Protein backbone atom coordinates (compact mmCIF):
# COMPACT_ATOMS: atom_id res chain seq x y z
CA UNK A 1 0.00 0.00 0.00
CA UNK A 2 1.63 3.24 -1.13
CA UNK A 3 1.72 6.28 1.17
CA UNK A 4 -0.01 6.77 4.49
CA UNK A 5 -3.49 8.24 4.25
CA UNK A 6 -7.05 7.64 5.31
CA UNK A 7 -7.10 4.35 3.42
CA UNK A 8 -4.30 3.11 5.69
CA UNK A 9 -6.01 4.44 8.81
CA UNK A 10 -9.25 2.69 7.82
CA UNK A 11 -7.36 -0.57 7.33
CA UNK A 12 -5.60 -0.25 10.70
CA UNK A 13 -8.85 0.40 12.57
CA UNK A 14 -10.53 -2.52 10.81
CA UNK A 15 -7.78 -5.05 11.53
CA UNK A 16 -7.49 -3.70 15.08
CA UNK A 17 -11.02 -5.01 15.66
CA UNK A 18 -9.45 -8.47 15.85
CA UNK A 19 -8.69 -7.67 19.51
CA UNK A 20 -12.29 -7.10 20.65
CA UNK A 21 -13.47 -10.02 18.51
CA UNK A 22 -11.15 -12.45 20.29
CA UNK A 23 -12.13 -11.03 23.67
CA UNK A 24 -15.75 -11.84 22.81
CA UNK A 25 -14.99 -15.57 22.52
CA UNK A 26 -16.50 -17.12 25.68
CA UNK A 27 -14.16 -18.76 28.16
CA UNK A 28 -10.86 -17.94 26.43
CA UNK A 29 -9.89 -14.81 28.42
CA UNK A 30 -7.64 -13.63 25.59
CA UNK A 31 -6.21 -10.12 26.22
CA UNK A 32 -7.28 -7.63 23.57
CA UNK A 33 -3.70 -6.87 22.56
CA UNK A 34 -3.21 -10.46 21.35
CA UNK A 35 -5.70 -9.95 18.53
CA UNK A 36 -4.17 -6.58 17.66
CA UNK A 37 -0.65 -8.01 17.54
CA UNK A 38 -1.80 -10.93 15.38
CA UNK A 39 -3.60 -8.52 13.03
CA UNK A 40 -0.38 -6.52 12.74
CA UNK A 41 1.58 -9.68 11.95
CA UNK A 42 -0.83 -10.47 9.10
CA UNK A 43 -0.62 -7.08 7.39
CA UNK A 44 3.02 -6.34 8.27
CA UNK A 45 6.49 -7.68 7.58
CA UNK A 46 5.64 -11.22 8.66
CA UNK A 47 2.50 -11.44 6.53
CA UNK A 48 1.43 -9.62 3.37
CA UNK A 49 3.58 -6.51 3.96
CA UNK A 50 0.66 -4.20 3.21
CA UNK A 51 1.71 -1.36 5.50
CA UNK A 52 5.03 0.44 5.80
CA UNK A 53 5.96 0.49 9.49
CA UNK A 54 8.84 2.85 8.73
CA UNK A 55 6.53 5.57 7.44
CA UNK A 56 7.13 8.70 9.60
CA UNK A 57 3.41 9.40 10.05
CA UNK A 58 2.67 5.81 11.04
CA UNK A 59 5.63 5.79 13.43
CA UNK A 60 4.56 9.08 15.05
CA UNK A 61 1.00 7.85 15.61
CA UNK A 62 2.34 4.57 17.01
CA UNK A 63 4.64 6.47 19.40
CA UNK A 64 1.67 8.54 20.60
CA UNK A 65 -0.11 5.25 21.23
CA UNK A 66 2.92 3.88 23.07
CA UNK A 67 3.06 7.00 25.24
CA UNK A 68 -0.65 6.72 26.05
CA UNK A 69 -0.36 2.99 26.78
CA UNK A 70 2.37 3.64 29.35
CA UNK A 71 0.35 6.57 30.74
CA UNK A 72 -2.60 4.25 31.34
CA UNK A 73 -0.26 1.61 32.83
CA UNK A 74 0.96 4.23 35.30
CA UNK A 75 -2.59 5.04 36.34
CA UNK A 76 -3.16 1.33 37.10
CA UNK A 77 -0.39 1.18 39.70
CA UNK A 78 -2.24 1.36 43.05
CA UNK A 79 -0.09 4.09 44.62
CA UNK A 80 -2.99 5.54 46.65
CA UNK A 81 -4.30 2.25 48.04
CA UNK A 82 -3.73 2.59 51.78
CA UNK A 83 -4.44 -1.10 52.36
CA UNK A 84 -1.32 -2.00 50.39
CA UNK A 85 1.09 -0.07 52.60
CA UNK A 86 1.17 -2.68 55.35
CA UNK A 87 2.36 -5.26 52.82
CA UNK A 88 5.13 -3.15 51.29
CA UNK A 89 8.08 -4.47 53.41
CA UNK A 90 7.30 -8.10 52.55
CA UNK A 91 6.59 -7.13 48.94
CA UNK A 92 9.97 -5.41 48.61
CA UNK A 93 11.74 -8.43 50.07
CA UNK A 94 10.00 -10.76 47.60
CA UNK A 95 10.74 -8.41 44.70
CA UNK A 96 14.44 -8.41 45.63
CA UNK A 97 14.46 -12.22 45.79
CA UNK A 98 12.70 -12.46 42.42
CA UNK A 99 15.18 -9.98 40.95
CA UNK A 100 18.15 -12.02 42.20
CA UNK A 101 16.78 -15.25 40.70
CA UNK A 102 15.92 -13.44 37.45
CA UNK A 103 19.48 -12.06 37.26
CA UNK A 104 20.93 -15.56 37.53
CA UNK A 105 18.51 -16.90 34.93
CA UNK A 106 19.28 -13.92 32.66
CA UNK A 107 22.97 -14.80 32.67
CA UNK A 108 22.16 -18.42 31.83
CA UNK A 109 19.85 -17.52 28.93
CA UNK A 110 22.29 -14.95 27.51
CA UNK A 111 25.08 -17.52 27.50
CA UNK A 112 22.97 -20.35 26.11
CA UNK A 113 21.70 -18.24 23.21
CA UNK A 114 24.84 -16.12 22.81
CA UNK A 115 23.08 -12.75 22.77
CA UNK A 116 24.94 -10.90 25.52
CA UNK A 117 21.65 -9.44 26.82
CA UNK A 118 21.74 -10.86 30.34
CA UNK A 119 20.70 -7.57 31.97
CA UNK A 120 17.74 -7.16 29.59
CA UNK A 121 16.51 -10.69 30.22
CA UNK A 122 16.87 -10.22 33.98
CA UNK A 123 14.72 -7.07 33.92
CA UNK A 124 12.10 -8.77 31.74
CA UNK A 125 11.83 -11.86 33.95
CA UNK A 126 11.74 -9.80 37.15
CA UNK A 127 9.03 -7.49 35.81
CA UNK A 128 5.33 -7.65 36.56
CA UNK A 129 2.45 -5.98 34.76
CA UNK A 130 -0.09 -4.18 36.91
CA UNK A 131 -2.18 -3.62 33.76
CA UNK A 132 -2.55 -7.41 33.32
CA UNK A 133 -2.40 -8.89 36.80
CA UNK A 134 -4.57 -6.41 38.74
CA UNK A 135 -7.59 -6.75 36.41
CA UNK A 136 -7.27 -10.55 36.71
CA UNK A 137 -7.25 -10.25 40.51
CA UNK A 138 -10.24 -7.91 40.47
CA UNK A 139 -12.25 -9.98 37.96
CA UNK A 140 -11.78 -13.13 40.07
CA UNK A 141 -12.60 -11.16 43.26
CA UNK A 142 -9.45 -12.38 44.99
CA UNK A 143 -8.87 -10.81 48.39
CA UNK A 144 -7.12 -11.28 51.70
CA UNK A 145 -3.75 -10.17 53.14
CA UNK A 146 -1.70 -12.27 50.72
CA UNK A 147 -3.50 -10.79 47.72
CA UNK A 148 -2.97 -7.26 49.01
CA UNK A 149 0.71 -8.02 49.48
CA UNK A 150 1.11 -9.44 45.97
CA UNK A 151 -0.57 -6.31 44.59
CA UNK A 152 2.13 -4.22 46.26
CA UNK A 153 4.79 -6.57 44.90
CA UNK A 154 3.41 -6.23 41.36
CA UNK A 155 3.34 -2.44 41.62
CA UNK A 156 6.95 -2.32 42.87
CA UNK A 157 8.21 -4.69 40.16
CA UNK A 158 6.28 -2.86 37.45
CA UNK A 159 7.67 0.56 38.38
CA UNK A 160 11.25 -0.65 38.93
CA UNK A 161 11.44 -2.61 35.67
CA UNK A 162 10.13 0.27 33.59
CA UNK A 163 12.83 2.53 35.05
CA UNK A 164 15.57 -0.08 34.59
CA UNK A 165 14.67 -1.21 31.07
CA UNK A 166 16.29 1.70 29.16
CA UNK A 167 19.49 1.15 31.14
CA UNK A 168 19.50 -2.60 30.54
CA UNK A 169 18.65 -2.70 26.86
CA UNK A 170 21.45 -0.34 25.81
CA UNK A 171 24.24 -0.37 28.44
CA UNK A 172 26.49 1.82 26.28
CA UNK A 173 24.05 4.69 26.80
CA UNK A 174 23.20 3.84 30.38
CA UNK A 175 24.74 6.98 31.88
CA UNK A 176 22.92 9.29 29.48
CA UNK A 177 19.70 7.33 29.91
CA UNK A 178 20.04 7.61 33.70
CA UNK A 179 20.42 11.40 33.49
CA UNK A 180 17.43 11.63 31.18
CA UNK A 181 15.39 9.45 33.53
CA UNK A 182 16.33 11.72 36.43
CA UNK A 183 15.18 14.74 34.42
CA UNK A 184 11.84 13.04 33.71
CA UNK A 185 11.48 12.08 37.37
CA UNK A 186 12.28 15.64 38.52
CA UNK A 187 9.69 17.15 36.17
CA UNK A 188 7.11 14.57 37.23
CA UNK A 189 7.77 15.39 40.88
CA UNK A 190 7.28 19.10 40.20
CA UNK A 191 4.03 18.35 38.38
CA UNK A 192 2.86 16.27 41.33
CA UNK A 193 3.32 19.07 43.84
CA UNK A 194 1.80 21.68 41.51
CA UNK A 195 -1.25 19.54 40.78
CA UNK A 196 -1.65 18.62 44.45
CA UNK A 197 -1.60 22.32 45.32
CA UNK A 198 -4.35 22.98 42.79
CA UNK A 199 -6.29 19.97 44.08
CA UNK A 200 -6.16 21.12 47.70
CA UNK A 201 -7.02 24.69 46.73
CA UNK A 202 -10.14 23.56 44.90
CA UNK A 203 -8.87 24.86 41.54
CA UNK A 204 -9.04 21.42 39.95
CA UNK A 205 -12.62 20.89 41.12
CA UNK A 206 -13.74 24.26 39.73
CA UNK A 207 -11.93 23.56 36.46
CA UNK A 208 -13.60 20.16 36.23
CA UNK A 209 -17.08 21.62 36.79
CA UNK A 210 -16.47 24.42 34.29
CA UNK A 211 -15.21 21.96 31.72
CA UNK A 212 -18.14 19.62 32.29
CA UNK A 213 -20.66 22.45 32.06
CA UNK A 214 -19.27 23.72 28.75
CA UNK A 215 -18.17 20.30 27.40
CA UNK A 216 -14.55 21.39 26.94
CA UNK A 217 -12.65 18.28 28.13
CA UNK A 218 -10.09 20.60 29.75
CA UNK A 219 -8.63 17.92 32.02
CA UNK A 220 -7.92 15.71 29.05
CA UNK A 221 -6.37 18.64 27.19
CA UNK A 222 -4.10 19.55 30.11
CA UNK A 223 -3.17 15.89 30.57
CA UNK A 224 -2.16 15.61 26.91
CA UNK A 225 -0.16 18.85 27.17
CA UNK A 226 1.79 17.43 30.11
CA UNK A 227 2.15 14.04 28.42
CA UNK A 228 3.50 15.38 25.14
CA UNK A 229 5.75 17.87 26.95
CA UNK A 230 7.34 15.08 28.98
CA UNK A 231 7.62 13.00 25.81
CA UNK A 232 9.41 15.90 24.11
CA UNK A 233 11.81 16.10 27.04
CA UNK A 234 12.36 12.34 26.81
CA UNK A 235 13.22 12.47 23.10
CA UNK A 236 15.48 15.49 23.68
CA UNK A 237 17.41 13.67 26.40
CA UNK A 238 17.43 10.43 24.37
CA UNK A 239 15.23 8.55 26.84
CA UNK A 240 12.36 6.27 25.86
CA UNK A 241 8.97 7.97 25.88
CA UNK A 242 7.73 5.04 27.95
CA UNK A 243 9.20 6.76 31.03
CA UNK A 244 7.36 9.97 30.20
CA UNK A 245 4.01 8.25 29.93
CA UNK A 246 4.51 6.05 32.97
CA UNK A 247 5.74 8.92 35.16
CA UNK A 248 2.76 11.12 34.31
CA UNK A 249 0.42 8.19 34.92
CA UNK A 250 1.84 7.83 38.42
CA UNK A 251 1.44 11.58 39.01
CA UNK A 252 -2.20 11.63 37.93
CA UNK A 253 -2.86 8.47 39.91
CA UNK A 254 -1.17 9.95 42.99
CA UNK A 255 -3.38 13.04 42.85
CA UNK A 256 -6.47 11.00 42.06
CA UNK A 257 -7.67 10.33 38.54
CA UNK A 258 -11.24 11.63 38.09
CA UNK A 259 -13.70 9.17 36.55
CA UNK A 260 -14.47 11.65 33.78
CA UNK A 261 -10.79 11.86 32.79
CA UNK A 262 -10.48 8.07 32.99
CA UNK A 263 -13.38 7.66 30.57
CA UNK A 264 -11.94 10.24 28.20
CA UNK A 265 -8.53 8.55 28.27
CA UNK A 266 -10.22 5.22 27.65
CA UNK A 267 -11.87 6.63 24.54
CA UNK A 268 -8.75 8.30 23.15
CA UNK A 269 -6.35 5.48 24.00
CA UNK A 270 -8.31 2.25 23.72
CA UNK A 271 -10.53 3.52 20.92
CA UNK A 272 -7.72 4.44 18.52
CA UNK A 273 -4.12 5.05 19.59
CA UNK A 274 -3.52 1.92 21.67
CA UNK A 275 -4.84 -0.52 19.00
CA UNK A 276 -2.87 1.37 16.37
CA UNK A 277 0.32 1.00 18.41
CA UNK A 278 -0.11 -2.74 18.93
CA UNK A 279 -0.99 -3.27 15.27
CA UNK A 280 2.16 -1.27 14.36
CA UNK A 281 4.23 -3.38 16.77
CA UNK A 282 2.90 -6.61 15.31
CA UNK A 283 3.52 -5.30 11.78
CA UNK A 284 7.09 -4.34 12.75
CA UNK A 285 7.94 -7.79 14.07
CA UNK A 286 9.47 -10.27 11.68
CA UNK A 287 8.25 -13.59 13.07
CA UNK A 288 9.67 -15.36 10.04
CA UNK A 289 13.04 -14.71 11.63
CA UNK A 290 12.04 -17.24 14.27
CA UNK A 291 11.89 -19.84 11.50
CA UNK A 292 15.32 -18.82 10.27
CA UNK A 293 16.62 -18.64 13.85
CA UNK A 294 14.59 -21.35 15.64
CA UNK A 295 16.80 -21.04 18.70
CA UNK A 296 14.92 -17.82 19.50
CA UNK A 297 11.74 -19.84 19.91
CA UNK A 298 13.57 -21.52 22.75
CA UNK A 299 14.60 -18.09 24.03
CA UNK A 300 10.96 -16.95 24.12
CA UNK A 301 9.91 -20.10 25.98
CA UNK A 302 12.89 -19.70 28.30
CA UNK A 303 11.96 -16.11 29.11
CA UNK A 304 8.35 -17.02 29.82
CA UNK A 305 9.16 -20.05 31.93
CA UNK A 306 12.07 -18.22 33.58
CA UNK A 307 9.77 -15.35 34.61
CA UNK A 308 7.37 -17.79 36.26
CA UNK A 309 10.20 -19.66 38.01
CA UNK A 310 11.73 -16.40 39.27
CA UNK A 311 8.43 -15.18 40.71
CA UNK A 312 7.58 -18.59 42.17
CA UNK A 313 10.86 -18.38 44.11
CA UNK A 314 8.87 -16.12 46.47
CA UNK A 315 7.46 -19.39 47.80
CA UNK A 316 10.63 -19.46 49.92
CA UNK A 317 9.19 -16.43 51.75
CA UNK A 318 5.78 -18.01 52.22
CA UNK A 319 3.94 -16.81 49.13
CA UNK A 320 1.57 -19.38 47.56
CA UNK A 321 2.79 -20.67 44.18
CA UNK A 322 -0.36 -19.53 42.29
CA UNK A 323 0.18 -15.94 43.47
CA UNK A 324 3.83 -16.12 42.46
CA UNK A 325 2.85 -17.29 38.99
CA UNK A 326 0.17 -14.58 38.81
CA UNK A 327 2.75 -11.91 39.65
CA UNK A 328 4.87 -13.08 36.69
CA UNK A 329 2.44 -11.52 34.18
CA UNK A 330 4.27 -9.34 31.67
CA UNK A 331 3.09 -6.86 29.07
CA UNK A 332 4.38 -3.29 29.06
CA UNK A 333 8.06 -4.06 29.64
CA UNK A 334 8.47 -6.76 26.94
CA UNK A 335 6.46 -4.64 24.51
CA UNK A 336 8.66 -1.65 25.30
CA UNK A 337 11.80 -3.75 24.91
CA UNK A 338 10.65 -5.08 21.54
CA UNK A 339 9.72 -1.56 20.44
CA UNK A 340 13.03 -0.02 21.50
CA UNK A 341 15.01 -2.94 20.12
CA UNK A 342 13.24 -2.68 16.76
CA UNK A 343 13.54 1.11 16.49
CA UNK A 344 17.23 1.24 17.48
CA UNK A 345 18.35 -2.08 15.97
CA UNK A 346 19.57 -3.23 19.37
CA UNK A 347 18.30 -6.81 19.08
CA UNK A 348 19.13 -9.67 16.75
CA UNK A 349 16.65 -10.80 14.04
CA UNK A 350 13.91 -12.78 15.74
CA UNK A 351 14.80 -11.57 19.23
CA UNK A 352 11.96 -8.99 19.50
CA UNK A 353 9.47 -11.72 18.55
CA UNK A 354 11.00 -13.96 21.22
CA UNK A 355 10.40 -11.25 23.86
CA UNK A 356 6.73 -11.04 22.89
CA UNK A 357 6.42 -14.84 22.88
CA UNK A 358 7.77 -14.95 26.42
CA UNK A 359 5.25 -12.30 27.53
CA UNK A 360 2.35 -14.19 25.96
CA UNK A 361 3.34 -17.33 27.87
CA UNK A 362 3.29 -15.44 31.17
CA UNK A 363 -0.17 -14.01 30.39
CA UNK A 364 -1.53 -17.49 29.71
CA UNK A 365 0.00 -18.84 32.92
CA UNK A 366 -1.36 -15.87 34.89
CA UNK A 367 -4.93 -16.65 33.86
CA UNK A 368 -4.56 -20.27 35.00
CA UNK A 369 -2.81 -19.29 38.25
CA UNK A 370 -5.58 -16.86 39.15
CA UNK A 371 -8.21 -19.56 38.73
CA UNK A 372 -6.18 -22.01 40.84
CA UNK A 373 -5.79 -19.52 43.69
CA UNK A 374 -9.50 -18.69 43.50
CA UNK A 375 -10.36 -22.36 44.08
CA UNK A 376 -8.10 -22.67 47.13
CA UNK A 377 -8.72 -19.20 48.57
CA UNK A 378 -11.28 -20.20 51.26
CA UNK A 379 -8.74 -22.65 52.68
CA UNK A 380 -5.91 -20.10 52.47
CA UNK A 381 -8.03 -17.43 54.15
CA UNK A 382 -8.70 -19.63 57.18
CA UNK A 383 -5.06 -20.74 57.41
CA UNK A 384 -3.73 -17.18 57.27
CA UNK A 385 -6.21 -15.56 59.63
CA UNK A 386 -4.11 -15.92 62.77
CA UNK A 387 -0.65 -14.81 61.58
CA UNK A 388 -1.98 -11.85 59.64
CA UNK A 389 -4.19 -10.54 62.47
CA UNK A 390 -1.75 -7.79 63.58
CA UNK A 391 -2.00 -6.19 60.13
CA UNK A 392 -5.80 -5.94 60.22
CA UNK A 393 -5.96 -2.34 61.56
CA UNK A 394 -3.80 -1.10 58.67
CA UNK A 395 -6.31 -2.49 56.21
């Protein structure tokens, strides 16, 4: 297909419907992004090569989608949930243990497959995805002290891995990436205090009412201004825009995301930009490289299984195995790694597809683990009642 115009946009929106269609299949619990990635594979480099993923317009729109995806991921991290605070010390200890096991497994995988990306694999296997795991927990109505503690663990692993990924994927630029990340963090911190001041002074409430009365969507507009400004800073300092989106998501979440803004973000992101990004990512991947380099199929399986093993190591600290497996869910970090690796040619042919394969395995295992824990939860609740009693007031 020549050029990028409305005909291409129409095609992208149409094929992006594969996500919702798969979600509609009863009993499968397939994440919407799976259908979007598969649709991208069909029309992209792996399939019929209908779209040009290198087109500047397509790339810009996909990057906007990537930024919004990470923004939404940041808003899913439960930073304001007071009930999680009592579980933070144990959660940190488990996250450190998982990270240590993941580091060892990363070295093994890097040597076995000869890629030299031990640090990247360690970050991937140690990561968790709040955007995947927390909705699974909520949909299954899992509760109790252990569930609250694993939520805190997921949030910690999600935030830490997103910060560490740019440093791990390109160690030669680690120092510059660290400085850029600090600049993003400093700006996000300033935004937090400014927005909190407006919130406490009632300015945000008055702005919200004025916007609602005149149908101006001012909160969404201001959010996009901040998002794109941080993204501009990220590109200027040669840092991934994923940090910009995630940092602002944490800021908005820390202040308190209004339901009206959440609905507007859902429409803008999930209705267009997010599907477009995942279709672009799928179209950018060259899965045929896995056929030419079948060892990377083993790498993908190794990353998925390794992530589950690393997180299940928390059993040594008393965490049930199903919760450990549930915490291994990955999405944003492998997607970001595949995106950065593809854009900057940092990964070998077939390696980005292997990262996505590993993430898909963890998502499948997460769904099963959640169901298993749901079945045993009444027994676990009675067993844990006595030792967890001192933490009850904090909840």
